[in-house]
Protein backbone atom coordinates (compact mmCIF):
# COMPACT_ATOMS: atom_id res chain seq x y z
CA UNK A 1 -9.36 -26.17 6.36
CA UNK A 2 -9.07 -27.02 10.06
CA UNK A 3 -5.30 -26.58 9.87
CA UNK A 4 -5.69 -23.22 8.12
CA UNK A 5 -8.08 -21.97 10.81
CA UNK A 6 -5.71 -23.06 13.59
CA UNK A 7 -2.79 -21.32 11.90
CA UNK A 8 -4.87 -18.18 11.37
CA UNK A 9 -5.65 -18.14 15.10
CA UNK A 10 -1.95 -18.64 15.93
CA UNK A 11 -1.04 -15.77 13.59
CA UNK A 12 -3.45 -13.47 15.45
CA UNK A 13 -2.02 -14.52 18.82
CA UNK A 14 1.57 -14.13 17.58
CA UNK A 15 0.82 -10.59 16.37
CA UNK A 16 -0.28 -9.46 19.85
CA UNK A 17 3.26 -8.69 21.11
CA UNK A 18 3.81 -6.57 18.02
CA UNK A 19 0.71 -4.54 18.91
CA UNK A 20 1.41 -4.25 22.65
CA UNK A 21 5.20 -3.77 22.70
CA UNK A 22 7.28 -1.10 20.90
CA UNK A 23 8.91 -2.31 17.69
CA UNK A 24 12.41 -1.39 16.50
CA UNK A 25 11.25 -0.99 12.92
CA UNK A 26 8.80 1.72 13.99
CA UNK A 27 10.44 3.56 16.89
CA UNK A 28 13.82 2.63 18.30
CA UNK A 29 13.59 5.30 21.00
CA UNK A 30 10.49 3.67 22.50
CA UNK A 31 12.35 0.36 22.64
CA UNK A 32 15.26 2.04 24.44
CA UNK A 33 12.81 3.62 26.85
CA UNK A 34 11.26 0.21 27.55
CA UNK A 35 14.72 -1.19 28.41
CA UNK A 36 15.19 1.72 30.84
CA UNK A 37 11.82 1.20 32.54
CA UNK A 38 11.94 -2.61 32.69
CA UNK A 39 15.60 -3.64 32.85
CA UNK A 40 14.81 -7.14 34.13
CA UNK A 41 12.27 -8.38 31.60
CA UNK A 42 13.32 -6.38 28.51
CA UNK A 43 16.44 -8.52 27.71
CA UNK A 44 14.35 -11.70 27.94
CA UNK A 45 11.75 -10.28 25.57
CA UNK A 46 14.51 -9.16 23.25
CA UNK A 47 15.94 -12.69 23.02
CA UNK A 48 12.47 -13.88 22.02
CA UNK A 49 12.35 -11.22 19.26
CA UNK A 50 9.34 -9.53 20.86
CA UNK A 51 10.68 -6.12 19.75
CA UNK A 52 10.99 -7.36 16.14
CA UNK A 53 7.90 -9.56 16.01
CA UNK A 54 7.07 -9.21 12.34
CA UNK A 55 10.66 -9.93 11.27
CA UNK A 56 11.18 -12.85 13.67
CA UNK A 57 11.72 -16.42 12.39
CA UNK A 58 8.86 -17.87 14.45
CA UNK A 59 6.36 -15.33 13.06
CA UNK A 60 7.58 -15.99 9.52
CA UNK A 61 7.18 -19.75 10.09
CA UNK A 62 3.53 -19.28 11.10
CA UNK A 63 2.51 -17.19 8.10
CA UNK A 64 4.46 -19.37 5.68
CA UNK A 65 2.67 -22.45 7.01
CA UNK A 66 -0.61 -20.56 6.75
CA UNK A 67 0.16 -19.70 3.12
CA UNK A 68 0.98 -23.33 2.31
CA UNK A 69 -2.19 -24.49 4.05
CA UNK A 70 -4.27 -21.88 2.25
CA UNK A 71 -2.95 -22.95 -1.14
CA UNK A 72 -3.59 -26.58 -0.15
CA UNK A 73 -7.20 -25.68 0.60
CA UNK A 74 -7.79 -23.42 -2.38
CA UNK A 75 -6.43 -25.55 -5.23
CA UNK A 76 -8.52 -28.71 -4.52
CA UNK A 77 -11.65 -26.60 -3.99
CA UNK A 78 -10.97 -24.69 -7.20
CA UNK A 79 -10.63 -27.98 -9.08
CA UNK A 80 -13.95 -29.18 -7.65
CA UNK A 81 -15.66 -25.94 -8.64
CA UNK A 82 -14.23 -26.22 -12.13
CA UNK A 83 -15.63 -29.75 -12.47
CA UNK A 84 -19.01 -28.57 -11.18
CA UNK A 85 -19.22 -25.85 -13.81
CA UNK A 86 -18.78 -28.48 -16.54
CA UNK A 87 -21.03 -31.16 -15.00
CA UNK A 88 -24.31 -32.15 -16.66
CA UNK A 89 -27.56 -31.52 -14.78
CA UNK A 90 -28.58 -34.23 -12.35
CA UNK A 91 -30.90 -36.95 -13.68
CA UNK A 92 -34.61 -36.79 -12.86
CA UNK A 93 -35.30 -38.12 -9.34
CA UNK A 94 -37.46 -41.20 -9.05
CA UNK A 95 -40.09 -39.51 -6.86
CA UNK A 96 -40.60 -35.86 -7.74
CA UNK A 97 -43.31 -35.49 -5.11
CA UNK A 98 -40.68 -35.46 -2.38
CA UNK A 99 -39.14 -32.24 -3.62
CA UNK A 100 -39.95 -28.89 -1.96
CA UNK A 101 -41.60 -27.70 -5.17
CA UNK A 102 -43.60 -30.16 -7.26
CA UNK A 103 -46.83 -30.51 -9.22
CA UNK A 104 -48.55 -32.69 -11.83
CA UNK A 105 -50.17 -31.29 -14.98
CA UNK A 106 -52.20 -32.88 -17.76
CA UNK A 107 -51.78 -31.23 -21.18
CA UNK A 108 -54.18 -31.81 -24.10
CA UNK A 109 -51.38 -32.58 -26.56
CA UNK A 110 -49.10 -35.39 -27.45
CA UNK A 111 -45.61 -35.90 -26.00
CA UNK A 112 -43.81 -34.18 -28.87
CA UNK A 113 -45.87 -31.00 -28.50
CA UNK A 114 -45.53 -31.08 -24.74
CA UNK A 115 -41.75 -31.56 -25.07
CA UNK A 116 -41.57 -28.57 -27.43
CA UNK A 117 -43.45 -26.46 -24.87
CA UNK A 118 -41.04 -27.53 -22.09
CA UNK A 119 -38.04 -26.68 -24.27
CA UNK A 120 -39.47 -23.22 -24.94
CA UNK A 121 -40.11 -22.55 -21.26
CA UNK A 122 -36.60 -23.73 -20.28
CA UNK A 123 -34.83 -21.43 -22.71
CA UNK A 124 -31.71 -20.07 -20.98
CA UNK A 125 -31.41 -23.08 -18.68
CA UNK A 126 -28.70 -25.70 -19.02
CA UNK A 127 -30.68 -28.84 -19.73
CA UNK A 128 -30.52 -32.41 -20.89
CA UNK A 129 -33.31 -34.41 -22.49
CA UNK A 130 -33.78 -38.17 -22.53
CA UNK A 131 -36.35 -40.59 -23.89
CA UNK A 132 -37.75 -43.07 -21.38
CA UNK A 133 -40.03 -45.54 -23.13
CA UNK A 134 -42.72 -43.53 -24.86
CA UNK A 135 -42.12 -40.53 -22.62
CA UNK A 136 -39.48 -37.86 -22.15
CA UNK A 137 -37.52 -36.48 -19.21
CA UNK A 138 -35.92 -33.05 -18.81
CA UNK A 139 -33.20 -32.08 -16.31
CA UNK A 140 -32.42 -28.39 -16.17
CA UNK A 141 -30.23 -26.21 -13.98
CA UNK A 142 -29.61 -22.51 -13.70
CA UNK A 143 -27.12 -20.46 -11.71
CA UNK A 144 -23.91 -22.16 -12.82
CA UNK A 145 -22.15 -18.81 -12.55
CA UNK A 146 -22.34 -19.27 -8.81
CA UNK A 147 -19.78 -22.06 -9.08
CA UNK A 148 -17.78 -19.94 -11.52
CA UNK A 149 -17.80 -17.13 -8.91
CA UNK A 150 -16.49 -19.55 -6.31
CA UNK A 151 -13.79 -20.65 -8.74
CA UNK A 152 -12.74 -17.06 -9.51
CA UNK A 153 -12.77 -16.17 -5.80
CA UNK A 154 -10.51 -19.03 -4.74
CA UNK A 155 -8.07 -18.62 -7.63
CA UNK A 156 -7.89 -14.86 -6.97
CA UNK A 157 -6.69 -15.61 -3.44
CA UNK A 158 -3.69 -17.39 -4.89
CA UNK A 159 -3.18 -14.57 -7.39
CA UNK A 160 -3.12 -12.06 -4.54
CA UNK A 161 -0.47 -14.10 -2.73
CA UNK A 162 1.65 -14.21 -5.89
CA UNK A 163 1.26 -10.45 -6.38
CA UNK A 164 2.24 -9.70 -2.79
CA UNK A 165 5.23 -12.04 -3.08
CA UNK A 166 6.40 -10.31 -6.28
CA UNK A 167 6.24 -6.95 -4.53
CA UNK A 168 8.27 -8.20 -1.58
CA UNK A 169 10.88 -9.85 -3.79
CA UNK A 170 11.42 -7.24 -6.52
CA UNK A 171 9.96 -4.09 -4.95
CA UNK A 172 11.68 -1.32 -3.04
CA UNK A 173 11.02 2.08 -1.51
CA UNK A 174 13.34 4.89 -0.59
CA UNK A 175 13.16 8.32 0.99
CA UNK A 176 15.10 11.35 -0.16
CA UNK A 177 15.18 15.03 0.73
CA UNK A 178 15.35 17.44 -2.22
CA UNK A 179 15.76 21.21 -2.03
CA UNK A 180 13.11 23.34 -3.69
CA UNK A 181 13.87 26.03 -6.28
CA UNK A 182 15.74 23.65 -8.59
CA UNK A 183 16.95 20.77 -6.43
CA UNK A 184 17.28 17.48 -8.34
CA UNK A 185 17.25 13.76 -7.67
CA UNK A 186 17.93 10.87 -10.07
CA UNK A 187 16.91 7.28 -9.44
CA UNK A 188 20.16 5.71 -10.62
CA UNK A 189 21.38 3.99 -7.45
CA UNK A 190 20.82 3.62 -3.73
CA UNK A 191 23.52 6.19 -2.90
CA UNK A 192 21.14 8.95 -3.95
CA UNK A 193 18.67 8.03 -1.21
CA UNK A 194 18.71 9.07 2.44
CA UNK A 195 17.14 5.73 3.38
CA UNK A 196 16.40 2.70 1.21
CA UNK A 197 14.35 -0.44 1.86
CA UNK A 198 15.11 -3.10 -0.72
CA UNK A 199 13.18 -6.23 -1.62
CA UNK A 200 14.80 -9.61 -1.20
CA UNK A 201 15.89 -9.74 -4.86
CA UNK A 202 16.92 -6.08 -5.16
CA UNK A 203 20.58 -5.11 -4.73
CA UNK A 204 20.20 -1.50 -5.88
CA UNK A 205 22.35 -1.86 -9.01
CA UNK A 206 19.57 -2.10 -11.58
CA UNK A 207 17.04 0.59 -10.69
CA UNK A 208 14.85 2.07 -13.40
CA UNK A 209 16.46 5.47 -14.09
CA UNK A 210 14.46 8.68 -13.98
CA UNK A 211 15.12 12.20 -12.70
CA UNK A 212 13.07 14.71 -10.71
CA UNK A 213 13.56 18.46 -10.27
CA UNK A 214 11.65 20.38 -7.59
CA UNK A 215 10.93 23.78 -9.11
CA UNK A 216 8.76 25.15 -6.31
CA UNK A 217 7.02 24.18 -3.10
CA UNK A 218 4.13 25.86 -1.35
CA UNK A 219 2.49 24.96 1.93
CA UNK A 220 -0.71 26.59 3.17
CA UNK A 221 -1.90 26.54 6.76
CA UNK A 222 -5.08 27.24 8.64
CA UNK A 223 -5.04 30.05 11.24
CA UNK A 224 -4.62 27.36 13.91
CA UNK A 225 -1.36 26.27 12.31
CA UNK A 226 -2.75 23.02 10.93
CA UNK A 227 -1.51 22.17 7.45
CA UNK A 228 -4.10 22.79 4.74
CA UNK A 229 -2.17 21.69 1.64
CA UNK A 230 1.29 20.77 0.41
CA UNK A 231 1.97 21.34 -3.29
CA UNK A 232 5.23 20.88 -5.14
CA UNK A 233 5.78 21.84 -8.78
CA UNK A 234 7.98 19.17 -10.34
CA UNK A 235 9.78 18.59 -13.56
CA UNK A 236 10.64 14.99 -14.42
CA UNK A 237 12.42 12.99 -17.07
CA UNK A 238 11.53 9.39 -17.85
CA UNK A 239 13.91 6.59 -18.82
CA UNK A 240 13.14 7.24 -22.49
CA UNK A 241 13.95 10.96 -22.07
CA UNK A 242 17.29 10.14 -20.45
CA UNK A 243 18.15 7.60 -23.15
CA UNK A 244 17.34 10.14 -25.86
CA UNK A 245 19.44 12.82 -24.18
CA UNK A 246 16.43 15.13 -23.89
CA UNK A 247 16.95 18.34 -21.90
CA UNK A 248 13.23 18.97 -21.53
CA UNK A 249 11.48 18.50 -18.19
CA UNK A 250 7.88 17.33 -18.10
CA UNK A 251 5.82 19.34 -15.57
CA UNK A 252 3.76 17.67 -12.84
CA UNK A 253 1.84 19.11 -9.83
CA UNK A 254 2.86 16.82 -6.95
CA UNK A 255 0.57 16.85 -3.90
CA UNK A 256 -0.04 14.69 -0.86
CA UNK A 257 -2.80 12.68 -2.52
CA UNK A 258 -1.55 13.09 -6.07
CA UNK A 259 1.62 11.00 -6.55
CA UNK A 260 3.71 10.98 -9.69
CA UNK A 261 3.61 7.65 -11.56
CA UNK A 262 6.35 6.88 -14.05
CA UNK A 263 8.39 3.91 -15.25
CA UNK A 264 6.67 1.52 -12.86
CA UNK A 265 7.39 3.68 -9.80
CA UNK A 266 5.42 6.15 -7.75
CA UNK A 267 6.76 9.34 -6.17
CA UNK A 268 4.96 10.59 -3.05
CA UNK A 269 5.21 13.91 -1.24
CA UNK A 270 5.71 13.14 2.45
CA UNK A 271 6.81 16.26 4.26
CA UNK A 272 8.77 19.47 4.05
CA UNK A 273 11.10 21.59 6.14
CA UNK A 274 13.59 24.44 6.08
CA UNK A 275 17.28 24.79 5.26
CA UNK A 276 18.95 27.99 6.56
CA UNK A 277 21.76 29.27 4.35
CA UNK A 278 24.89 30.61 6.02
CA UNK A 279 27.96 32.24 4.53
CA UNK A 280 31.24 32.11 6.45
CA UNK A 281 33.88 34.74 5.58
CA UNK A 282 37.27 33.66 6.91
CA UNK A 283 39.93 36.16 8.05
CA UNK A 284 41.87 35.74 4.78
CA UNK A 285 38.78 36.80 2.81
CA UNK A 286 37.75 33.39 1.50
CA UNK A 287 34.06 32.56 1.68
CA UNK A 288 32.13 29.35 1.99
CA UNK A 289 28.33 29.03 1.80
CA UNK A 290 26.49 26.12 3.38
CA UNK A 291 22.84 25.14 3.00
CA UNK A 292 21.78 21.92 4.76
CA UNK A 293 18.29 20.82 5.74
CA UNK A 294 17.42 21.19 9.42
CA UNK A 295 15.13 18.68 11.09
CA UNK A 296 11.71 19.77 12.45
CA UNK A 297 11.44 19.08 16.19
CA UNK A 298 7.89 20.41 16.47
CA UNK A 299 5.67 19.61 13.48
CA UNK A 300 2.95 21.97 14.66
CA UNK A 301 5.16 25.09 14.39
CA UNK A 302 8.11 23.61 12.43
CA UNK A 303 10.64 24.71 14.98
CA UNK A 304 13.75 23.01 13.58
CA UNK A 305 17.24 22.12 14.69
CA UNK A 306 20.34 21.23 12.74
CA UNK A 307 24.04 21.72 12.13
CA UNK A 308 25.75 23.34 9.16
CA UNK A 309 29.44 22.41 9.05
CA UNK A 310 32.42 24.08 7.34
CA UNK A 311 36.05 23.11 6.86
CA UNK A 312 38.42 26.06 6.60
CA UNK A 313 39.78 26.33 3.06
CA UNK A 314 43.49 26.23 2.34
CA UNK A 315 44.42 24.30 5.49
CA UNK A 316 46.81 21.44 4.69
CA UNK A 317 48.13 20.65 8.15
CA UNK A 318 46.31 17.82 9.93
CA UNK A 319 46.75 19.46 13.34
CA UNK A 320 45.54 22.82 12.05
CA UNK A 321 42.48 21.25 10.37
CA UNK A 322 41.45 19.67 13.68
CA UNK A 323 41.41 23.14 15.26
CA UNK A 324 39.70 25.22 12.58
CA UNK A 325 36.54 23.27 11.74
CA UNK A 326 33.37 25.33 12.15
CA UNK A 327 29.82 24.19 12.97
CA UNK A 328 26.72 26.38 13.17
CA UNK A 329 24.10 24.65 15.32
CA UNK A 330 20.91 25.79 16.97
CA UNK A 331 17.21 26.31 16.40
CA UNK A 332 15.38 27.82 13.46
CA UNK A 333 11.91 29.39 13.76
CA UNK A 334 9.99 30.07 10.51
CA UNK A 335 7.80 32.53 12.42
CA UNK A 336 9.72 33.71 15.46
CA UNK A 337 8.25 34.53 18.81
CA UNK A 338 10.85 37.27 19.27
CA UNK A 339 12.69 37.92 22.49
CA UNK A 340 15.83 36.34 23.89
CA UNK A 341 14.64 32.74 23.70
CA UNK A 342 13.73 31.93 20.12
CA UNK A 343 10.79 29.65 19.40
CA UNK A 344 8.30 29.33 16.57
CA UNK A 345 4.66 30.33 16.77
CA UNK A 346 3.52 29.41 13.24
CA UNK A 347 4.80 26.91 10.65
CA UNK A 348 4.80 29.26 7.64
CA UNK A 349 7.89 31.23 6.64
CA UNK A 350 6.52 34.60 7.81
CA UNK A 351 9.22 35.97 10.16
CA UNK A 352 12.27 33.67 10.19
CA UNK A 353 14.92 33.81 12.89
CA UNK A 354 17.69 31.47 13.95
CA UNK A 355 19.33 31.02 17.36
CA UNK A 356 22.83 29.70 16.69
CA UNK A 357 25.76 28.36 18.65
CA UNK A 358 29.01 28.54 16.69
CA UNK A 359 31.40 25.71 17.53
CA UNK A 360 35.04 25.58 16.49
CA UNK A 361 37.51 22.73 16.56
CA UNK A 362 37.52 19.07 15.50
CA UNK A 363 34.26 18.20 13.73
CA UNK A 364 35.18 14.49 13.59
CA UNK A 365 34.76 14.37 9.82
CA UNK A 366 38.02 12.43 9.40
CA UNK A 367 37.31 9.76 12.01
CA UNK A 368 35.94 7.27 9.47
CA UNK A 369 32.61 6.98 11.30
CA UNK A 370 29.17 7.94 10.06
CA UNK A 371 27.81 11.20 11.39
CA UNK A 372 24.34 12.71 11.37
CA UNK A 373 23.90 15.80 9.24
CA UNK A 374 21.53 17.22 11.85
CA UNK A 375 23.99 17.39 14.77
CA UNK A 376 27.65 17.49 15.70
CA UNK A 377 29.61 14.68 17.32
CA UNK A 378 28.73 15.06 20.99
CA UNK A 379 31.85 13.14 22.05
CA UNK A 380 33.98 15.93 20.54
CA UNK A 381 32.08 18.50 22.59
CA UNK A 382 32.44 16.44 25.78
CA UNK A 383 36.18 15.98 25.24
CA UNK A 384 36.73 19.69 24.55
CA UNK A 385 37.93 19.12 20.99
CA UNK A 386 34.93 21.15 19.78
CA UNK A 387 34.20 24.33 21.73
CA UNK A 388 31.51 26.99 21.61
CA UNK A 389 32.96 30.31 20.48
CA UNK A 390 29.84 32.42 19.88
CA UNK A 391 26.09 32.55 20.36
CA UNK A 392 23.54 34.88 18.78
CA UNK A 393 20.01 35.27 17.43
CA UNK A 394 20.00 36.24 13.76
CA UNK A 395 17.44 37.24 11.17
CA UNK A 396 18.18 37.03 7.41
CA UNK A 397 20.97 39.46 6.50
CA UNK A 398 22.46 39.72 10.00
CA UNK A 399 25.98 38.58 10.90
CA UNK A 400 28.17 37.87 13.90
CA UNK A 401 31.94 38.14 14.13
CA UNK A 402 34.14 35.63 15.94
CA UNK A 403 37.20 36.52 17.97
CA UNK A 404 39.55 35.54 15.13
CA UNK A 405 37.75 37.81 12.66
CA UNK A 406 35.61 35.11 11.01
CA UNK A 407 32.19 36.47 9.98
CA UNK A 408 29.10 34.24 10.02
CA UNK A 409 26.14 35.60 8.02
CA UNK A 410 22.60 34.24 8.01
CA UNK A 411 21.70 34.79 4.34
CA UNK A 412 18.29 33.29 3.73
CA UNK A 413 16.10 30.19 4.04
CA UNK A 414 15.15 27.63 1.43
CA UNK A 415 12.52 24.93 1.75
CA UNK A 416 13.11 21.22 1.22
CA UNK A 417 10.65 18.44 0.46
CA UNK A 418 10.77 14.81 1.58
CA UNK A 419 9.90 12.41 -1.24
CA UNK A 420 9.30 8.68 -1.21
CA UNK A 421 9.91 6.56 -4.29
CA UNK A 422 8.03 3.24 -4.26
CA UNK A 423 8.43 0.49 -6.82
CA UNK A 424 6.12 -2.51 -6.61
CA UNK A 425 6.03 -4.78 -9.68
CA UNK A 426 3.17 -6.76 -8.18
CA UNK A 427 0.76 -3.87 -7.66
CA UNK A 428 -1.06 -4.29 -10.98
CA UNK A 429 -1.54 -8.01 -10.35
CA UNK A 430 -2.77 -7.29 -6.82
CA UNK A 431 -5.30 -4.77 -8.16
CA UNK A 432 -6.57 -7.14 -10.86
CA UNK A 433 -6.89 -10.12 -8.52
CA UNK A 434 -8.50 -8.00 -5.81
CA UNK A 435 -11.18 -6.88 -8.29
CA UNK A 436 -11.66 -10.45 -9.51
CA UNK A 437 -11.93 -11.64 -5.92
CA UNK A 438 -14.72 -9.15 -5.22
CA UNK A 439 -16.48 -10.05 -8.47
CA UNK A 440 -16.27 -13.76 -7.65
CA UNK A 441 -17.47 -13.19 -4.10
CA UNK A 442 -20.40 -11.08 -5.32
CA UNK A 443 -21.37 -13.75 -7.85
CA UNK A 444 -21.18 -16.57 -5.33
CA UNK A 445 -23.31 -14.65 -2.82
CA UNK A 446 -25.99 -13.28 -5.15
CA UNK A 447 -26.52 -15.88 -7.88
CA UNK A 448 -29.07 -18.62 -7.00
CA UNK A 449 -28.38 -22.17 -8.00
CA UNK A 450 -31.70 -23.92 -8.80
CA UNK A 451 -32.81 -27.11 -10.53
CA UNK A 452 -35.93 -28.10 -12.44
CA UNK A 453 -37.09 -31.50 -13.61
CA UNK A 454 -39.95 -32.65 -15.81
CA UNK A 455 -41.18 -36.13 -16.66
CA UNK A 456 -43.56 -36.43 -19.62
CA UNK A 457 -45.77 -39.53 -19.83
CA UNK A 458 -48.22 -40.04 -22.74
CA UNK A 459 -51.78 -41.15 -21.94
CA UNK A 460 -54.85 -41.77 -24.08
CA UNK A 461 -58.23 -40.62 -22.81
CA UNK A 462 -61.49 -42.59 -22.99
CA UNK A 463 -62.45 -40.55 -26.00
CA UNK A 464 -59.19 -41.52 -27.73
CA UNK A 465 -57.58 -38.07 -27.33
CA UNK A 466 -53.85 -38.13 -26.79
CA UNK A 467 -52.76 -36.29 -23.68
CA UNK A 468 -49.54 -35.92 -21.76
CA UNK A 469 -49.09 -36.08 -17.98
CA UNK A 470 -46.31 -33.72 -16.93
CA UNK A 471 -44.71 -34.20 -13.50
CA UNK A 472 -42.52 -31.28 -12.53
CA UNK A 473 -40.27 -30.67 -9.53
CA UNK A 474 -37.92 -27.95 -8.42
CA UNK A 475 -35.11 -27.53 -5.91
CA UNK A 476 -33.07 -24.48 -4.92
CA UNK A 477 -29.52 -25.38 -3.90
CA UNK A 478 -29.19 -22.28 -1.75
CA UNK A 479 -31.44 -21.01 0.99
CA UNK A 480 -32.66 -18.03 -0.93
CA UNK A 481 -36.23 -16.79 -1.21
CA UNK A 482 -37.70 -16.35 -4.66
CA UNK A 483 -37.45 -19.79 -6.27
CA UNK A 484 -40.99 -20.63 -5.24
CA UNK A 485 -42.28 -17.74 -7.35
CA UNK A 486 -40.08 -18.75 -10.28
CA UNK A 487 -41.32 -22.36 -10.07
CA UNK A 488 -44.93 -21.15 -10.03
CA UNK A 489 -44.28 -19.10 -13.18
CA UNK A 490 -42.83 -22.11 -14.94
CA UNK A 491 -45.81 -24.25 -13.92
CA UNK A 492 -48.24 -21.58 -15.12
CA UNK A 493 -46.44 -21.22 -18.45
CA UNK A 494 -46.52 -24.96 -19.00
CA UNK A 495 -50.20 -25.24 -18.13
CA UNK A 496 -51.31 -22.39 -20.41
CA UNK A 497 -50.34 -21.78 -23.99
CA UNK A 498 -49.05 -18.32 -24.95
CA UNK A 499 -52.16 -17.52 -27.00
CA UNK A 500 -54.33 -18.50 -24.05
CA UNK A 501 -52.65 -15.89 -21.91
């Protein structure tokens, strides 16, 4: 126990850098900013893993040792509690007068009748009875569920650890953006996700398959612009539906606090945004339509930025392809402020407008390097391989024409929703053991453990009447008020027969 307390203190101290310093897993930009502000100390802290505290080896060593120590404490104590629940009541003490509660009674009956009365009054108590010479002794105890509560509490701690471990080993969560008005996503592999966090035993090749279709999305806002509700109308197909080849979609109203639960996974609604749709008509008459989600840069008004990219069709020459790529970048306002400089004044799609820069040249799509869908390769712009050829503010239905005759039309806007799929095989076990832990803790804190002893000694009066001297004593094993009253009731019941009362 001492070791566990020391390790718990060390864990709290080790977590302080994670609370005081920016962490890469939460916000890489804050870490970069810290390096800029403190160029001397930041590299030293980085070598000590102070920007990845909760993934560092030294932090893992502390909590693993704490877990081992906790199990080492819990299992022996649980075994002791289990033995206590099966133990017989303690034998009658030699001197009952030393107990906090004691008394001596003389009953006008023989030992057998007095013993019968004691048995009746101790109904519901765990008791043992023994003959001592001509007399009898009774040892009784109540409140054994207190030890059972302790046993359940300590074993539930281990169950919680096992449940958490199962979730970390075989659980995963991923985020994906799906277009509304019919956009679909299927949980068949990690390539369908925009980001994926896998458990230690998950390689992404054996995910439970299911499919989701976003039929509609509606967001309501207060006059101040604060979000009031997000609601998405979904259709989904379970693993059984897919195996049966069913074409039917089961409806479900997905909301922020109403996740979809299916096949051991949960689907949460995280956020939403807008995807402007552009159509590019090339000089030869060919058309291409692009609709890519743009990223909100201001979540209060949902002013968004992004880049929709096009490759000119029919171009086979490598040199020509590097000159004819087209990118539409800029800002999108769901409710425009109007004027020359476009900004958004409200997050709802009331008066959309987009301020675009049209870039032409090498988009860098053939460089073999990953590229963000929300922006163009800035190195291409800096080198002059990608040049701005037009700029305009457009509302849905408006177009602009480039110098080579290419027409760019802002068609419409569609909403997208950000979903998170979480799979945790240990969640049911964690819930069950958490409930059992609370039940065990409640039992151990509220149930009183108390003991009662009685020694019956036969005596014969001067008139030859057989009587029985009854010595009784009581002891509460916990410092709880109320046993004195219970002991008095037992004494009163023993001293008076039911028909007397």
